[in-house]
Amino acid sequence: MARQRVGRRKVQPRAPYQGPGWRQKPTLGVDVGGVIVMLADREEDTSFFGSRPLLTPAVTGVFEALATLTEQPFAGRVHLVSKAGPKVAANTRAWLAHHEFFGRTGIPSDHLHFVRERRDKAPVCQRLGVTHFVDDRLDVLAHLETVEHRYLFRGGTEGPDSTGALPHWAIEVHQWAELAALLASSEVG
């Protein structure tokens, strides 16, 4: 008679129920440089102006749009996901605090996430369940294959907009008011 092995079986974690009627809650991910903070230089990420980074202007309409979107349709599920090293991350935190960003938008301060490489935004978005993402770089949006709605934001730089054909999965927007209206009119939630 063969002996049965007695012991604990490894139990795999179950995926959340996704049967009939299940729908993922809409969650918005937003880049910082070129989307929230104006870029001075198109080649740099979150390029703050020289020795006075706190004076870098916000993108027009960002505070109002994010305050509205944070309330509805995203109901508090808005996250900032930014590529930054230690110095730029510190400047970003200082800029957000100086401009009272979290208080003005209603986004929780612990919804700020930094990654070291652009492609690293993808696993963060997947972990957070991001369904909509706004970035000023098409190469970043290309990595976000699990994000159903990807928006290429063109209104956060002083330089000229790039032109060219967009992939079918990207929607181009030029202003925060335009994006907020688009999200409010679509069936997000």
Protein backbone atom coordinates (compact mmCIF):
# COMPACT_ATOMS: atom_id res chain seq x y z
CA MET A 1 0.00 0.00 0.00
CA ALA A 2 1.42 3.33 -1.01
CA ARG A 3 1.68 6.01 1.59
CA GLN A 4 -0.07 9.22 0.90
CA ARG A 5 1.84 12.34 1.54
CA VAL A 6 0.24 14.35 4.29
CA GLY A 7 0.88 18.00 4.38
CA ARG A 8 -0.37 21.34 3.31
CA ARG A 9 -1.29 21.92 -0.24
CA LYS A 10 -0.29 25.22 -1.71
CA VAL A 11 -3.42 27.15 -2.41
CA GLN A 12 -3.28 29.50 -5.33
CA PRO A 13 -4.91 32.90 -4.70
CA ARG A 14 -8.21 33.21 -6.45
CA ALA A 15 -8.86 35.89 -8.98
CA PRO A 16 -11.78 38.16 -8.09
CA TYR A 17 -15.16 36.98 -9.31
CA GLN A 18 -15.72 38.23 -12.85
CA GLY A 19 -18.92 36.46 -13.78
CA PRO A 20 -22.11 37.87 -15.26
CA GLY A 21 -22.65 41.49 -14.33
CA TRP A 22 -19.11 41.98 -13.04
CA ARG A 23 -17.50 45.21 -14.12
CA GLN A 24 -14.13 46.60 -13.15
CA LYS A 25 -14.40 49.92 -11.35
CA PRO A 26 -13.00 52.71 -13.50
CA THR A 27 -9.60 53.86 -12.26
CA LEU A 28 -7.65 56.78 -13.74
CA GLY A 29 -3.85 56.92 -13.98
CA VAL A 30 -2.14 60.22 -14.74
CA ASP A 31 1.45 61.07 -15.61
CA VAL A 32 2.97 64.19 -14.01
CA GLY A 33 5.49 65.83 -16.40
CA GLY A 34 3.75 67.29 -19.45
CA VAL A 35 0.31 66.32 -18.12
CA ILE A 36 0.07 68.02 -14.70
CA VAL A 37 3.25 70.11 -14.73
CA MET A 38 4.26 72.01 -17.87
CA LEU A 39 7.42 70.74 -19.52
CA ALA A 40 10.17 73.20 -20.36
CA ASP A 41 12.06 70.66 -22.45
CA ARG A 42 10.36 67.91 -24.45
CA GLU A 43 13.36 65.57 -24.05
CA GLU A 44 13.32 65.50 -20.25
CA ASP A 45 10.78 63.98 -17.87
CA THR A 46 9.14 66.44 -15.49
CA SER A 47 11.67 69.14 -16.45
CA PHE A 48 11.32 71.80 -13.81
CA PHE A 49 12.60 75.27 -14.63
CA GLY A 50 16.19 75.66 -13.42
CA SER A 51 16.88 76.46 -9.80
CA ARG A 52 13.27 77.44 -9.01
CA PRO A 53 11.24 74.29 -9.70
CA LEU A 54 8.28 75.35 -7.58
CA LEU A 55 7.58 78.15 -10.04
CA THR A 56 7.05 75.74 -12.92
CA PRO A 57 3.45 76.31 -14.04
CA ALA A 58 0.70 73.74 -13.90
CA VAL A 59 -0.97 72.68 -17.12
CA THR A 60 -4.03 74.86 -17.68
CA GLY A 61 -7.19 73.42 -16.18
CA VAL A 62 -5.55 70.45 -14.47
CA PHE A 63 -6.71 71.22 -10.92
CA GLU A 64 -10.35 71.75 -11.86
CA ALA A 65 -10.50 68.74 -14.19
CA LEU A 66 -8.88 66.34 -11.73
CA ALA A 67 -11.09 67.56 -8.87
CA THR A 68 -14.16 66.83 -10.99
CA LEU A 69 -12.87 63.47 -12.26
CA THR A 70 -11.76 62.39 -8.77
CA GLU A 71 -15.29 62.93 -7.54
CA GLN A 72 -17.04 61.38 -10.56
CA PRO A 73 -16.73 59.21 -12.53
CA PHE A 74 -13.63 57.80 -10.80
CA ALA A 75 -14.89 58.14 -7.21
CA GLY A 76 -11.47 58.53 -5.56
CA ARG A 77 -9.72 56.04 -7.84
CA VAL A 78 -7.17 58.43 -9.38
CA HIS A 79 -3.43 57.70 -9.20
CA LEU A 80 -0.37 59.63 -10.32
CA VAL A 81 2.24 57.36 -11.94
CA SER A 82 5.46 59.12 -12.89
CA LYS A 83 8.92 58.13 -14.07
CA ALA A 84 11.43 59.87 -11.82
CA GLY A 85 14.75 59.39 -10.12
CA PRO A 86 15.29 60.58 -6.54
CA LYS A 87 15.93 64.26 -7.40
CA VAL A 88 12.96 64.63 -9.74
CA ALA A 89 10.74 62.67 -7.33
CA ALA A 90 11.70 65.09 -4.54
CA ASN A 91 11.02 68.09 -6.83
CA THR A 92 7.69 66.56 -7.82
CA ARG A 93 6.63 66.03 -4.20
CA ALA A 94 7.70 69.60 -3.35
CA TRP A 95 5.81 71.00 -6.34
CA LEU A 96 2.65 69.07 -5.48
CA ALA A 97 2.83 70.26 -1.85
CA HIS A 98 3.60 73.88 -2.84
CA HIS A 99 0.59 73.97 -5.17
CA GLU A 100 -1.64 72.16 -2.62
CA PHE A 101 -2.33 69.62 -5.34
CA PHE A 102 -3.86 66.88 -3.20
CA GLY A 103 -6.17 69.26 -1.35
CA ARG A 104 -7.27 70.99 -4.54
CA THR A 105 -7.95 67.78 -6.48
CA GLY A 106 -9.16 65.41 -3.76
CA ILE A 107 -6.61 62.79 -4.85
CA PRO A 108 -5.17 61.02 -1.78
CA SER A 109 -1.46 61.79 -1.31
CA ASP A 110 -0.69 58.06 -1.08
CA HIS A 111 -1.89 57.69 -4.69
CA LEU A 112 1.48 59.00 -5.92
CA HIS A 113 3.72 56.31 -7.47
CA PHE A 114 7.21 56.68 -8.93
CA VAL A 115 8.97 54.27 -11.27
CA ARG A 116 12.52 54.35 -12.60
CA GLU A 117 11.79 53.33 -16.21
CA ARG A 118 8.87 54.32 -18.43
CA ARG A 119 7.94 50.69 -19.11
CA ASP A 120 7.61 50.15 -15.35
CA LYS A 121 4.36 52.10 -15.37
CA ALA A 122 2.67 49.02 -16.89
CA PRO A 123 2.92 46.71 -13.84
CA VAL A 124 1.92 49.57 -11.52
CA CYS A 125 -1.18 50.23 -13.64
CA GLN A 126 -2.02 46.54 -13.71
CA ARG A 127 -1.65 46.23 -9.90
CA LEU A 128 -3.83 49.31 -9.34
CA GLY A 129 -6.47 48.19 -11.85
CA VAL A 130 -6.07 51.31 -13.98
CA THR A 131 -8.65 51.40 -16.78
CA HIS A 132 -7.84 54.88 -18.17
CA PHE A 133 -4.38 56.47 -18.43
CA VAL A 134 -3.21 59.93 -19.50
CA ASP A 135 0.39 60.45 -20.66
CA ASP A 136 2.18 62.81 -22.99
CA ARG A 137 4.33 60.04 -24.45
CA LEU A 138 3.05 57.51 -26.94
CA ASP A 139 5.93 55.12 -26.09
CA VAL A 140 4.68 54.95 -22.49
CA LEU A 141 1.09 54.33 -23.56
CA ALA A 142 2.29 51.51 -25.83
CA HIS A 143 3.55 49.59 -22.76
CA LEU A 144 0.17 49.84 -21.00
CA GLU A 145 -1.47 46.89 -22.71
CA THR A 146 -3.77 46.12 -19.76
CA VAL A 147 -5.18 49.67 -19.77
CA GLU A 148 -8.25 49.77 -21.98
CA HIS A 149 -8.43 53.56 -22.51
CA ARG A 150 -5.18 55.41 -23.26
CA TYR A 151 -5.05 59.17 -23.82
CA LEU A 152 -2.15 61.00 -25.44
CA PHE A 153 -2.06 64.46 -23.85
CA ARG A 154 -0.62 67.24 -26.03
CA GLY A 155 -1.29 70.33 -23.92
CA GLY A 156 1.56 70.28 -21.41
CA THR A 157 4.59 71.40 -23.33
CA GLU A 158 5.89 74.69 -24.65
CA GLY A 159 7.31 72.96 -27.69
CA PRO A 160 5.48 72.05 -30.87
CA ASP A 161 3.17 69.04 -30.89
CA SER A 162 4.32 65.96 -32.70
CA THR A 163 2.17 65.02 -35.60
CA GLY A 164 1.55 61.71 -37.23
CA ALA A 165 -0.87 58.86 -37.25
CA LEU A 166 -1.95 57.53 -33.90
CA PRO A 167 -2.43 53.84 -33.18
CA HIS A 168 -6.06 52.75 -32.93
CA TRP A 169 -5.76 52.34 -29.14
CA ALA A 170 -4.73 55.96 -28.42
CA ILE A 171 -7.00 59.00 -28.18
CA GLU A 172 -5.34 62.38 -28.60
CA VAL A 173 -6.42 65.26 -26.34
CA HIS A 174 -5.09 68.81 -26.17
CA GLN A 175 -6.59 70.27 -22.99
CA TRP A 176 -7.78 69.09 -19.61
CA ALA A 177 -11.25 70.53 -20.19
CA GLU A 178 -11.49 68.46 -23.38
CA LEU A 179 -10.42 65.28 -21.56
CA ALA A 180 -12.77 65.86 -18.62
CA ALA A 181 -15.70 66.41 -21.00
CA LEU A 182 -14.77 63.30 -22.98
CA LEU A 183 -14.62 61.15 -19.84
CA ALA A 184 -17.82 62.62 -18.40
CA SER A 185 -19.75 62.02 -21.64
CA SER A 186 -18.51 58.47 -22.15
CA GLU A 187 -19.72 55.48 -20.20
CA VAL A 188 -16.80 55.35 -17.74
CA GLY A 189 -18.60 54.08 -14.67
